[in-house]
């Protein structure tokens, strides 16, 4: 009986050590994954930002064009009313 208890204790100790090792390994893996993800995300973000900037510029130009057209139309209407 005593031998059995000793064996169980040894097994438990080994399990604890193994669990600790596994936890450490998992933590390391998670850290590595996070680092990789951050690096990849940074690259993607840069591309996205560039695209967004382009889109915003295009929108601004479109808005300006629309405003100009509207102004021209208004001027034409005013001329008609005056005549």
N, C-alpha and C. Protein backbone atom coordinates (compact mmCIF):
# COMPACT_ATOMS: atom_id res chain seq x y z
N UNK A 1 0.83 -1.20 0.00
CA UNK A 1 0.00 0.00 0.00
C UNK A 1 0.87 1.26 0.00
N UNK A 2 1.90 1.23 0.81
CA UNK A 2 2.78 2.39 0.89
C UNK A 2 3.46 2.62 -0.46
N UNK A 3 3.84 1.54 -1.08
CA UNK A 3 4.50 1.64 -2.38
C UNK A 3 3.55 2.29 -3.39
N UNK A 4 2.34 1.90 -3.32
CA UNK A 4 1.34 2.45 -4.24
C UNK A 4 1.20 3.96 -4.03
N UNK A 5 1.16 4.37 -2.79
CA UNK A 5 1.03 5.79 -2.48
C UNK A 5 2.25 6.54 -3.01
N UNK A 6 3.42 5.96 -2.83
CA UNK A 6 4.64 6.61 -3.30
C UNK A 6 4.58 6.75 -4.82
N UNK A 7 4.13 5.71 -5.46
CA UNK A 7 4.04 5.74 -6.92
C UNK A 7 3.08 6.84 -7.35
N UNK A 8 1.97 6.92 -6.66
CA UNK A 8 0.97 7.94 -7.02
C UNK A 8 1.56 9.34 -6.83
N UNK A 9 2.28 9.51 -5.73
CA UNK A 9 2.88 10.81 -5.46
C UNK A 9 3.87 11.16 -6.56
N UNK A 10 4.68 10.18 -6.93
CA UNK A 10 5.68 10.42 -7.97
C UNK A 10 4.97 10.79 -9.27
N UNK A 11 3.93 10.07 -9.56
CA UNK A 11 3.19 10.33 -10.80
C UNK A 11 2.62 11.75 -10.77
N UNK A 12 2.08 12.12 -9.62
CA UNK A 12 1.50 13.45 -9.51
C UNK A 12 2.57 14.52 -9.70
N UNK A 13 3.72 14.29 -9.10
CA UNK A 13 4.81 15.26 -9.23
C UNK A 13 5.21 15.37 -10.69
N UNK A 14 5.34 14.23 -11.34
CA UNK A 14 5.74 14.24 -12.74
C UNK A 14 4.68 14.98 -13.57
N UNK A 15 3.44 14.72 -13.24
CA UNK A 15 2.36 15.36 -13.99
C UNK A 15 2.43 16.87 -13.80
N UNK A 16 2.71 17.29 -12.58
CA UNK A 16 2.80 18.73 -12.31
C UNK A 16 3.92 19.34 -13.14
N UNK A 17 5.05 18.68 -13.14
CA UNK A 17 6.19 19.20 -13.90
C UNK A 17 5.83 19.25 -15.38
N UNK A 18 5.23 18.18 -15.86
CA UNK A 18 4.86 18.12 -17.27
C UNK A 18 3.85 19.22 -17.59
N UNK A 19 2.91 19.41 -16.69
CA UNK A 19 1.90 20.44 -16.94
C UNK A 19 2.55 21.81 -16.99
N UNK A 20 3.50 22.01 -16.10
CA UNK A 20 4.19 23.30 -16.08
C UNK A 20 4.93 23.50 -17.40
N UNK A 21 5.61 22.44 -17.82
CA UNK A 21 6.36 22.54 -19.08
C UNK A 21 5.38 22.82 -20.22
N UNK A 22 4.28 22.12 -20.21
CA UNK A 22 3.29 22.30 -21.28
C UNK A 22 2.76 23.73 -21.26
N UNK A 23 2.50 24.23 -20.07
CA UNK A 23 1.97 25.59 -19.96
C UNK A 23 3.00 26.58 -20.49
N UNK A 24 4.25 26.37 -20.13
CA UNK A 24 5.30 27.26 -20.60
C UNK A 24 5.37 27.21 -22.12
N UNK A 25 5.33 26.01 -22.65
CA UNK A 25 5.41 25.85 -24.10
C UNK A 25 4.21 26.55 -24.76
N UNK A 26 3.05 26.36 -24.18
CA UNK A 26 1.85 26.97 -24.76
C UNK A 26 1.97 28.49 -24.72
N UNK A 27 2.47 29.00 -23.61
CA UNK A 27 2.63 30.45 -23.48
C UNK A 27 3.60 30.96 -24.54
N UNK A 28 4.70 30.23 -24.71
CA UNK A 28 5.69 30.64 -25.70
C UNK A 28 5.06 30.64 -27.09
N UNK A 29 4.32 29.59 -27.37
CA UNK A 29 3.69 29.48 -28.69
C UNK A 29 2.70 30.64 -28.90
N UNK A 30 1.94 30.93 -27.86
CA UNK A 30 0.96 32.01 -27.98
C UNK A 30 1.68 33.34 -28.22
N UNK A 31 2.77 33.55 -27.50
CA UNK A 31 3.52 34.79 -27.68
C UNK A 31 4.03 34.89 -29.11
N UNK A 32 4.57 33.78 -29.60
CA UNK A 32 5.10 33.77 -30.96
C UNK A 32 3.98 34.08 -31.96
N UNK A 33 2.84 33.45 -31.74
CA UNK A 33 1.72 33.66 -32.66
C UNK A 33 1.29 35.12 -32.62
N UNK A 34 1.23 35.68 -31.43
CA UNK A 34 0.81 37.08 -31.30
C UNK A 34 1.80 37.99 -32.03
N UNK A 35 3.08 37.71 -31.84
CA UNK A 35 4.10 38.54 -32.49
C UNK A 35 3.94 38.45 -34.00
N UNK A 36 3.79 37.22 -34.50
CA UNK A 36 3.65 37.04 -35.94
C UNK A 36 2.40 37.78 -36.43
N UNK A 37 1.32 37.62 -35.70
CA UNK A 37 0.06 38.25 -36.11
C UNK A 37 0.22 39.77 -36.14
N UNK A 38 0.89 40.30 -35.13
CA UNK A 38 1.09 41.74 -35.09
C UNK A 38 1.91 42.20 -36.29
N UNK A 39 2.95 41.45 -36.59
CA UNK A 39 3.79 41.83 -37.72
C UNK A 39 3.00 41.80 -39.02
N UNK A 40 2.24 40.75 -39.20
CA UNK A 40 1.46 40.62 -40.43
C UNK A 40 0.39 41.71 -40.47
N UNK A 41 -0.27 41.96 -39.34
CA UNK A 41 -1.32 42.98 -39.29
C UNK A 41 -0.74 44.34 -39.62
N UNK A 42 0.46 44.62 -39.16
CA UNK A 42 1.07 45.92 -39.43
C UNK A 42 1.18 46.12 -40.93
N UNK A 43 1.67 45.11 -41.63
CA UNK A 43 1.81 45.22 -43.08
C UNK A 43 0.45 45.47 -43.71
N UNK A 44 -0.54 44.70 -43.29
CA UNK A 44 -1.88 44.84 -43.86
C UNK A 44 -2.41 46.24 -43.59
N UNK A 45 -2.21 46.72 -42.36
CA UNK A 45 -2.73 48.03 -41.99
C UNK A 45 -2.14 49.10 -42.90
N UNK A 46 -0.85 49.00 -43.18
CA UNK A 46 -0.22 50.00 -44.03
C UNK A 46 -0.90 50.02 -45.39
N UNK A 47 -1.12 48.83 -45.95
CA UNK A 47 -1.77 48.75 -47.26
C UNK A 47 -3.16 49.35 -47.19
N UNK A 48 -3.90 48.97 -46.14
CA UNK A 48 -5.27 49.45 -46.00
C UNK A 48 -5.27 50.97 -45.90
N UNK A 49 -4.34 51.52 -45.12
CA UNK A 49 -4.31 52.96 -44.94
C UNK A 49 -4.10 53.64 -46.29
N UNK A 50 -3.17 53.09 -47.09
CA UNK A 50 -2.91 53.69 -48.39
C UNK A 50 -4.18 53.68 -49.23
N UNK A 51 -4.85 52.54 -49.24
CA UNK A 51 -6.08 52.43 -50.03
C UNK A 51 -7.10 53.44 -49.54
N UNK A 52 -7.25 53.53 -48.21
CA UNK A 52 -8.23 54.45 -47.66
C UNK A 52 -7.90 55.88 -48.08
N UNK A 53 -6.63 56.23 -48.02
CA UNK A 53 -6.24 57.58 -48.39
C UNK A 53 -6.63 57.85 -49.84
N UNK A 54 -6.35 56.88 -50.71
CA UNK A 54 -6.68 57.06 -52.12
C UNK A 54 -8.17 57.29 -52.28
N UNK A 55 -8.95 56.45 -51.59
CA UNK A 55 -10.40 56.56 -51.70
C UNK A 55 -10.85 57.94 -51.23
N UNK A 56 -10.29 58.38 -50.11
CA UNK A 56 -10.71 59.66 -49.57
C UNK A 56 -10.38 60.78 -50.56
N UNK A 57 -9.19 60.70 -51.18
CA UNK A 57 -8.82 61.73 -52.14
C UNK A 57 -9.81 61.74 -53.29
N UNK A 58 -10.14 60.54 -53.78
CA UNK A 58 -11.07 60.45 -54.90
C UNK A 58 -12.40 61.07 -54.52
N UNK A 59 -12.87 60.76 -53.31
CA UNK A 59 -14.15 61.29 -52.87
C UNK A 59 -14.09 62.82 -52.85
N UNK A 60 -12.98 63.36 -52.35
CA UNK A 60 -12.87 64.81 -52.28
C UNK A 60 -12.97 65.41 -53.67
N UNK A 61 -12.27 64.81 -54.62
CA UNK A 61 -12.28 65.34 -55.99
C UNK A 61 -13.69 65.27 -56.56
N UNK A 62 -14.35 64.15 -56.32
CA UNK A 62 -15.71 63.99 -56.83
C UNK A 62 -16.61 65.07 -56.24
N UNK A 63 -16.48 65.29 -54.94
CA UNK A 63 -17.32 66.29 -54.29
C UNK A 63 -17.08 67.67 -54.92
N UNK A 64 -15.81 67.99 -55.16
CA UNK A 64 -15.49 69.29 -55.74
C UNK A 64 -16.14 69.42 -57.11
N UNK A 65 -16.04 68.37 -57.91
CA UNK A 65 -16.61 68.41 -59.26
C UNK A 65 -18.11 68.63 -59.17
N UNK A 66 -18.75 67.90 -58.27
CA UNK A 66 -20.21 68.02 -58.13
C UNK A 66 -20.57 69.46 -57.75
N UNK A 67 -19.82 70.03 -56.83
CA UNK A 67 -20.13 71.39 -56.39
C UNK A 67 -20.01 72.35 -57.57
N UNK A 68 -18.95 72.18 -58.37
CA UNK A 68 -18.75 73.06 -59.52
C UNK A 68 -19.93 72.95 -60.47
N UNK A 69 -20.35 71.73 -60.75
CA UNK A 69 -21.46 71.52 -61.68
C UNK A 69 -22.71 72.22 -61.15
N UNK A 70 -22.96 72.04 -59.86
CA UNK A 70 -24.16 72.65 -59.27
C UNK A 70 -24.10 74.17 -59.42
N UNK A 71 -22.92 74.73 -59.17
CA UNK A 71 -22.79 76.18 -59.27
C UNK A 71 -23.10 76.63 -60.70
N UNK A 72 -22.57 75.91 -61.68
CA UNK A 72 -22.80 76.28 -63.08
C UNK A 72 -24.29 76.26 -63.38
N UNK A 73 -24.96 75.21 -62.92
CA UNK A 73 -26.40 75.09 -63.18
C UNK A 73 -27.13 76.29 -62.58
N UNK A 74 -26.76 76.63 -61.36
CA UNK A 74 -27.44 77.74 -60.69
C UNK A 74 -27.24 79.03 -61.50
N UNK A 75 -26.01 79.23 -61.99
CA UNK A 75 -25.73 80.44 -62.76
C UNK A 75 -26.61 80.47 -64.00
N UNK A 76 -26.73 79.34 -64.66
CA UNK A 76 -27.53 79.28 -65.88
C UNK A 76 -28.98 79.64 -65.56
N UNK A 77 -29.49 79.10 -64.47
CA UNK A 77 -30.88 79.39 -64.09
C UNK A 77 -31.04 80.89 -63.82
N UNK A 78 -30.07 81.47 -63.14
CA UNK A 78 -30.17 82.89 -62.82
C UNK A 78 -30.24 83.71 -64.11
N UNK A 79 -29.41 83.34 -65.10
CA UNK A 79 -29.39 84.08 -66.37
C UNK A 79 -30.77 84.01 -67.01
N UNK A 80 -31.36 82.83 -67.00
CA UNK A 80 -32.67 82.67 -67.63
C UNK A 80 -33.69 83.58 -66.95
N UNK A 81 -33.65 83.63 -65.65
CA UNK A 81 -34.63 84.44 -64.91
C UNK A 81 -34.44 85.92 -65.24
N UNK A 82 -33.16 86.35 -65.31
CA UNK A 82 -32.91 87.76 -65.60
C UNK A 82 -33.44 88.13 -66.98
N UNK A 83 -33.23 87.28 -67.96
CA UNK A 83 -33.65 87.61 -69.32
C UNK A 83 -35.17 87.48 -69.40
